[in-house]
Structure formats: structure tokens, C-alpha cells
Amino acid sequence: MKRFQLAAKTRDGVGKKSSKSLRKEGLVPAVLYGGEKNIHLSIQEKDLRNLIYTPDIYLVELDIDGKVHECIIQELQFHPVSDNLLHIDFLEVFEEKPIVMEVPVVLDGFAVGVRAGGRLTLDMRKLRVRALYKDIPERLHIDVTKLELGKTLQVGDLSFDNIELLNSKNAVVAAVRSVRVSLSTASLSDDEEDDEEDGEGSSDESGDASAE
């Protein structure tokens, strides 16, 4: 897992009023938990951009007033309208204590089902895992070379060294779907819509005739 260095300062005030005041100064309120006690923090918003707005995952080296804590992002809160970052939770990690986090998925290989004319789809872009942080990769690589046309790859079909997958075993991660079926379904839907429109027109005409 990549590392990201980040500076933070402890803060005394908590609550909505204090958080609002911090945001006006270009700071983001945060909290680090998982250690001996929760630590309330403030972080420069500009320092978070390369950490937050990326598909990559990081082990964060959080420097709090000169002391470094290793942690991961546990939760992000955004404003529902402006999409501005409102709050961030960090979870402190330790070498022998498993953590839970979502890891991006990458599909490797040229599926035999694609060679047969199908279309490969990625249904789950991230998988939820439990492992020691040192065993968690930047991405989970999945070989789809043997995936046949009309077949799916489910969570239960996957395994990774020293990693436990927490998603439902029946959840579909990837599939090779028939392009012809998709086109036929789309054509059928268009025909049905045309039939409905024709039906509405006939109904209106008969209604007018009755009125006359």
C-alpha cells in the first residue's frame, strides 16, 4: 500500500460551531481513533486533495504536532449540495491488528468469452477486505482469462493470500455478457414503447368517435 504524509494539529473545540469556524479558515475538522484515546484534529483542506480525490488507497502517516501516527481513512463526510469535504475520520493501525477497508479491483487477461463475441463488465469496482495493513495491496488483481461467455465471477470464486473478503459470496464481481442479448433486449424495449404509443393513439381515437 502506498504511503501518504499528512500534517495535522490538535483542536480543543468540538461541535458544529467550532467545525464551521474551521472550515471558514480553509481547515477540515477530523478525528483519529483506534488508539488509546480519540484525538480531534484540524487539517489544511488543500493538503487533503491528493489523498481524497483519487481511486488509490493509502496508509497515511499522520503527523500530529510532531508525532507520527499510521492510519487509514475510515469515513468521509461531504456536503450534500456543494460536495465540499466536511469531516474526515482516521483509524489508527497497528502491525498485528487486522483492519477493514475497501480495495480497488483490476481485471487482468483477455477473457475467452470476449473472444467469442461477449462484453466484459466490471460489476464491483471495490471489494471490502479484512487483513493486516501490511498484507493489503494497492489493488486486487483478478485473472479473467478463463471467464466464458454468459458466465460470472463471484466473490466466492476469489481468494487472496492473507486476505478475507467480506462481501457476499454470491455478489457478482465481473461477467462476460452476450452483446446480442443486450441488443435484442434493447430492440424489444423499443418495440414495446412503440406498441404502447400506438395503443394510446387508438384509445384516443375511439374515445373521440364515441363522443361524436
Protein backbone atom coordinates (compact mmCIF):
# COMPACT_ATOMS: atom_id res chain seq x y z
CA MET A 1 0.00 0.00 0.00
CA LYS A 2 1.25 3.48 -0.86
CA ARG A 3 2.10 5.91 1.91
CA PHE A 4 0.88 9.48 2.20
CA GLN A 5 2.39 12.05 4.55
CA LEU A 6 -0.06 14.47 6.13
CA ALA A 7 0.24 17.16 8.79
CA ALA A 8 -2.47 17.88 11.36
CA LYS A 9 -2.96 19.90 14.51
CA THR A 10 -4.93 19.04 17.63
CA ARG A 11 -8.00 21.14 18.35
CA ASP A 12 -9.82 21.79 21.58
CA GLY A 13 -13.21 22.89 20.32
CA VAL A 14 -15.71 20.35 19.02
CA GLY A 15 -19.25 20.66 17.75
CA LYS A 16 -20.96 22.39 14.83
CA LYS A 17 -19.94 25.93 15.73
CA SER A 18 -16.26 25.04 16.08
CA SER A 19 -16.28 22.98 12.87
CA LYS A 20 -17.95 25.77 10.91
CA SER A 21 -15.31 28.22 12.12
CA LEU A 22 -12.51 25.87 11.00
CA ARG A 23 -13.98 25.47 7.52
CA LYS A 24 -14.08 29.24 7.07
CA GLU A 25 -10.32 29.21 7.63
CA GLY A 26 -9.75 26.55 4.97
CA LEU A 27 -9.41 23.76 7.52
CA VAL A 28 -11.19 20.42 7.72
CA PRO A 29 -12.17 19.00 11.13
CA ALA A 30 -11.08 15.41 11.67
CA VAL A 31 -10.69 12.76 14.34
CA LEU A 32 -8.18 9.95 14.83
CA TYR A 33 -9.44 6.96 16.76
CA GLY A 34 -8.40 3.37 17.36
CA GLY A 35 -5.56 4.23 19.73
CA GLU A 36 -5.55 4.92 23.45
CA LYS A 37 -7.89 7.87 23.01
CA ASN A 38 -9.67 9.80 20.27
CA ILE A 39 -7.75 12.84 19.01
CA HIS A 40 -9.68 15.74 17.48
CA LEU A 41 -7.79 17.42 14.67
CA SER A 42 -7.77 20.14 12.05
CA ILE A 43 -6.13 19.71 8.64
CA GLN A 44 -5.49 22.10 5.77
CA GLU A 45 -8.07 21.33 3.09
CA LYS A 46 -5.53 21.83 0.29
CA ASP A 47 -3.31 19.13 1.82
CA LEU A 48 -6.11 16.56 1.51
CA ARG A 49 -6.87 16.87 -2.19
CA ASN A 50 -4.34 14.32 -3.46
CA LEU A 51 -5.43 11.91 -0.73
CA ILE A 52 -9.20 12.20 -1.14
CA TYR A 53 -9.80 12.74 -4.85
CA THR A 54 -8.09 9.62 -6.14
CA PRO A 55 -9.01 5.96 -6.72
CA ASP A 56 -5.84 4.90 -4.87
CA ILE A 57 -5.74 3.77 -1.26
CA TYR A 58 -3.06 4.90 1.17
CA LEU A 59 -1.51 4.23 4.52
CA VAL A 60 -1.45 7.73 5.96
CA GLU A 61 1.50 8.90 8.03
CA LEU A 62 -0.35 11.49 10.08
CA ASP A 63 1.97 13.97 11.79
CA ILE A 64 0.10 15.42 14.77
CA ASP A 65 2.09 18.19 16.43
CA GLY A 66 5.33 16.35 15.65
CA LYS A 67 4.23 12.80 16.49
CA VAL A 68 3.53 10.43 13.57
CA HIS A 69 0.56 8.03 13.65
CA GLU A 70 0.00 5.41 10.95
CA CYS A 71 -3.66 5.31 9.92
CA ILE A 72 -6.17 4.84 7.11
CA ILE A 73 -9.22 6.83 6.07
CA GLN A 74 -12.27 5.31 7.72
CA GLU A 75 -15.02 7.71 6.69
CA LEU A 76 -15.51 10.89 4.69
CA GLN A 77 -18.41 13.32 5.01
CA PHE A 78 -19.29 15.65 2.13
CA HIS A 79 -21.80 18.48 1.87
CA PRO A 80 -24.88 17.15 0.00
CA VAL A 81 -25.10 20.20 -2.28
CA SER A 82 -21.63 21.72 -2.67
CA ASP A 83 -19.81 18.37 -2.30
CA ASN A 84 -17.22 20.08 -0.10
CA LEU A 85 -15.39 17.87 2.40
CA LEU A 86 -16.94 18.44 5.83
CA HIS A 87 -15.22 15.91 8.09
CA ILE A 88 -12.79 13.01 7.94
CA ASP A 89 -12.31 10.05 10.27
CA PHE A 90 -8.95 8.29 10.50
CA LEU A 91 -8.40 4.87 12.03
CA GLU A 92 -5.02 4.26 13.62
CA VAL A 93 -3.49 0.96 12.54
CA PHE A 94 -1.09 -1.43 14.22
CA GLU A 95 1.13 -4.15 12.76
CA GLU A 96 -0.65 -7.11 14.38
CA LYS A 97 -4.24 -5.82 14.34
CA PRO A 98 -6.39 -6.55 11.24
CA ILE A 99 -8.25 -3.67 9.62
CA VAL A 100 -11.25 -3.47 7.30
CA MET A 101 -11.19 -1.35 4.16
CA GLU A 102 -12.27 -1.28 0.53
CA VAL A 103 -9.66 -2.08 -2.12
CA PRO A 104 -9.98 -1.28 -5.86
CA VAL A 105 -10.40 -4.20 -8.30
CA VAL A 106 -8.43 -4.65 -11.54
CA LEU A 107 -9.33 -7.27 -14.17
CA ASP A 108 -6.36 -8.92 -15.89
CA GLY A 109 -6.32 -11.01 -19.06
CA PHE A 110 -8.37 -11.41 -22.25
CA ALA A 111 -11.44 -13.45 -21.37
CA VAL A 112 -12.32 -16.34 -23.69
CA GLY A 113 -15.91 -15.09 -23.58
CA VAL A 114 -14.80 -11.80 -25.10
CA ARG A 115 -13.00 -13.73 -27.85
CA ALA A 116 -16.36 -15.39 -28.53
CA GLY A 117 -18.03 -12.00 -29.00
CA GLY A 118 -19.12 -11.15 -25.48
CA ARG A 119 -18.60 -7.99 -23.47
CA LEU A 120 -16.62 -7.99 -20.20
CA THR A 121 -18.17 -5.93 -17.41
CA LEU A 122 -16.82 -5.00 -14.00
CA ASP A 123 -19.75 -5.02 -11.57
CA MET A 124 -17.82 -4.28 -8.36
CA ARG A 125 -15.06 -1.69 -8.55
CA LYS A 126 -14.01 -2.27 -4.94
CA LEU A 127 -14.07 -5.21 -2.54
CA ARG A 128 -14.29 -4.97 1.22
CA VAL A 129 -11.45 -6.86 2.90
CA ARG A 130 -10.11 -7.68 6.35
CA ALA A 131 -6.35 -8.13 6.78
CA LEU A 132 -3.22 -6.77 8.40
CA TYR A 133 -2.45 -3.49 6.69
CA LYS A 134 0.94 -4.79 5.52
CA ASP A 135 -0.88 -7.53 3.55
CA ILE A 136 -3.33 -5.24 1.78
CA PRO A 137 -2.27 -4.44 -1.81
CA GLU A 138 -2.93 -1.21 -3.66
CA ARG A 139 -5.30 -3.15 -5.94
CA LEU A 140 -6.81 -6.61 -6.10
CA HIS A 141 -5.83 -8.16 -9.43
CA ILE A 142 -8.27 -10.74 -10.79
CA ASP A 143 -7.45 -13.01 -13.76
CA VAL A 144 -10.47 -13.29 -16.07
CA THR A 145 -8.73 -15.19 -18.87
CA LYS A 146 -10.88 -18.34 -18.40
CA LEU A 147 -14.19 -16.46 -17.98
CA GLU A 148 -16.56 -17.81 -20.63
CA LEU A 149 -19.43 -16.17 -22.48
CA GLY A 150 -22.51 -15.91 -20.26
CA LYS A 151 -20.53 -16.72 -17.12
CA THR A 152 -19.98 -14.62 -14.00
CA LEU A 153 -17.19 -14.34 -11.48
CA GLN A 154 -18.48 -14.11 -7.92
CA VAL A 155 -16.82 -13.12 -4.66
CA GLY A 156 -16.93 -16.76 -3.56
CA ASP A 157 -14.76 -17.71 -6.54
CA LEU A 158 -11.92 -15.46 -5.39
CA SER A 159 -9.12 -15.90 -2.89
CA PHE A 160 -6.09 -13.83 -1.95
CA ASP A 161 -3.20 -14.64 0.37
CA ASN A 162 -3.74 -13.43 3.95
CA ILE A 163 -6.89 -11.53 2.98
CA GLU A 164 -10.51 -12.21 3.98
CA LEU A 165 -13.21 -10.97 1.61
CA LEU A 166 -16.23 -9.57 3.45
CA ASN A 167 -18.66 -9.06 0.56
CA SER A 168 -21.47 -11.55 -0.03
CA LYS A 169 -20.10 -14.69 -1.68
CA ASN A 170 -22.89 -14.53 -4.28
CA ALA A 171 -22.09 -10.96 -5.30
CA VAL A 172 -21.01 -10.73 -8.96
CA VAL A 173 -17.63 -9.07 -9.43
CA ALA A 174 -17.31 -9.46 -13.21
CA ALA A 175 -19.17 -11.08 -16.07
CA VAL A 176 -18.98 -11.72 -19.80
CA ARG A 177 -22.37 -10.89 -21.23
CA SER A 178 -23.69 -11.54 -24.70
CA VAL A 179 -23.80 -8.39 -26.79
CA ARG A 180 -26.54 -9.89 -28.99
CA VAL A 181 -28.79 -10.47 -25.99
CA SER A 182 -28.27 -6.90 -24.88
CA LEU A 183 -29.11 -5.58 -28.36
CA SER A 184 -32.16 -7.84 -28.64
CA THR A 185 -33.42 -6.68 -25.26
CA ALA A 186 -32.95 -3.05 -26.26
CA SER A 187 -34.81 -3.64 -29.55
CA LEU A 188 -37.64 -5.38 -27.73
CA SER A 189 -37.96 -2.49 -25.32
CA ASP A 190 -38.15 -0.04 -28.25
CA ASP A 191 -40.86 -2.15 -29.92
CA GLU A 192 -42.85 -2.27 -26.69
CA GLU A 193 -42.66 1.50 -26.35
CA ASP A 194 -43.89 1.89 -29.95
CA ASP A 195 -46.77 -0.51 -29.23
CA GLU A 196 -47.73 1.47 -26.14
CA GLU A 197 -47.72 4.71 -28.11
CA ASP A 198 -49.85 3.13 -30.86
CA GLY A 199 -52.22 1.82 -28.22
CA GLU A 200 -52.62 5.23 -26.66
CA GLY A 201 -53.36 6.75 -30.06
CA SER A 202 -56.05 4.13 -30.81
CA SER A 203 -57.64 4.70 -27.44
CA ASP A 204 -57.85 8.44 -28.02
CA GLU A 205 -59.32 7.98 -31.49
CA SER A 206 -62.00 5.55 -30.26
CA GLY A 207 -62.78 7.93 -27.45
CA ASP A 208 -63.32 10.78 -29.90
CA ALA A 209 -65.52 8.60 -32.06
CA SER A 210 -67.71 7.72 -29.10
CA ALA A 211 -68.04 11.32 -28.16
CA GLU A 212 -69.26 12.14 -31.63
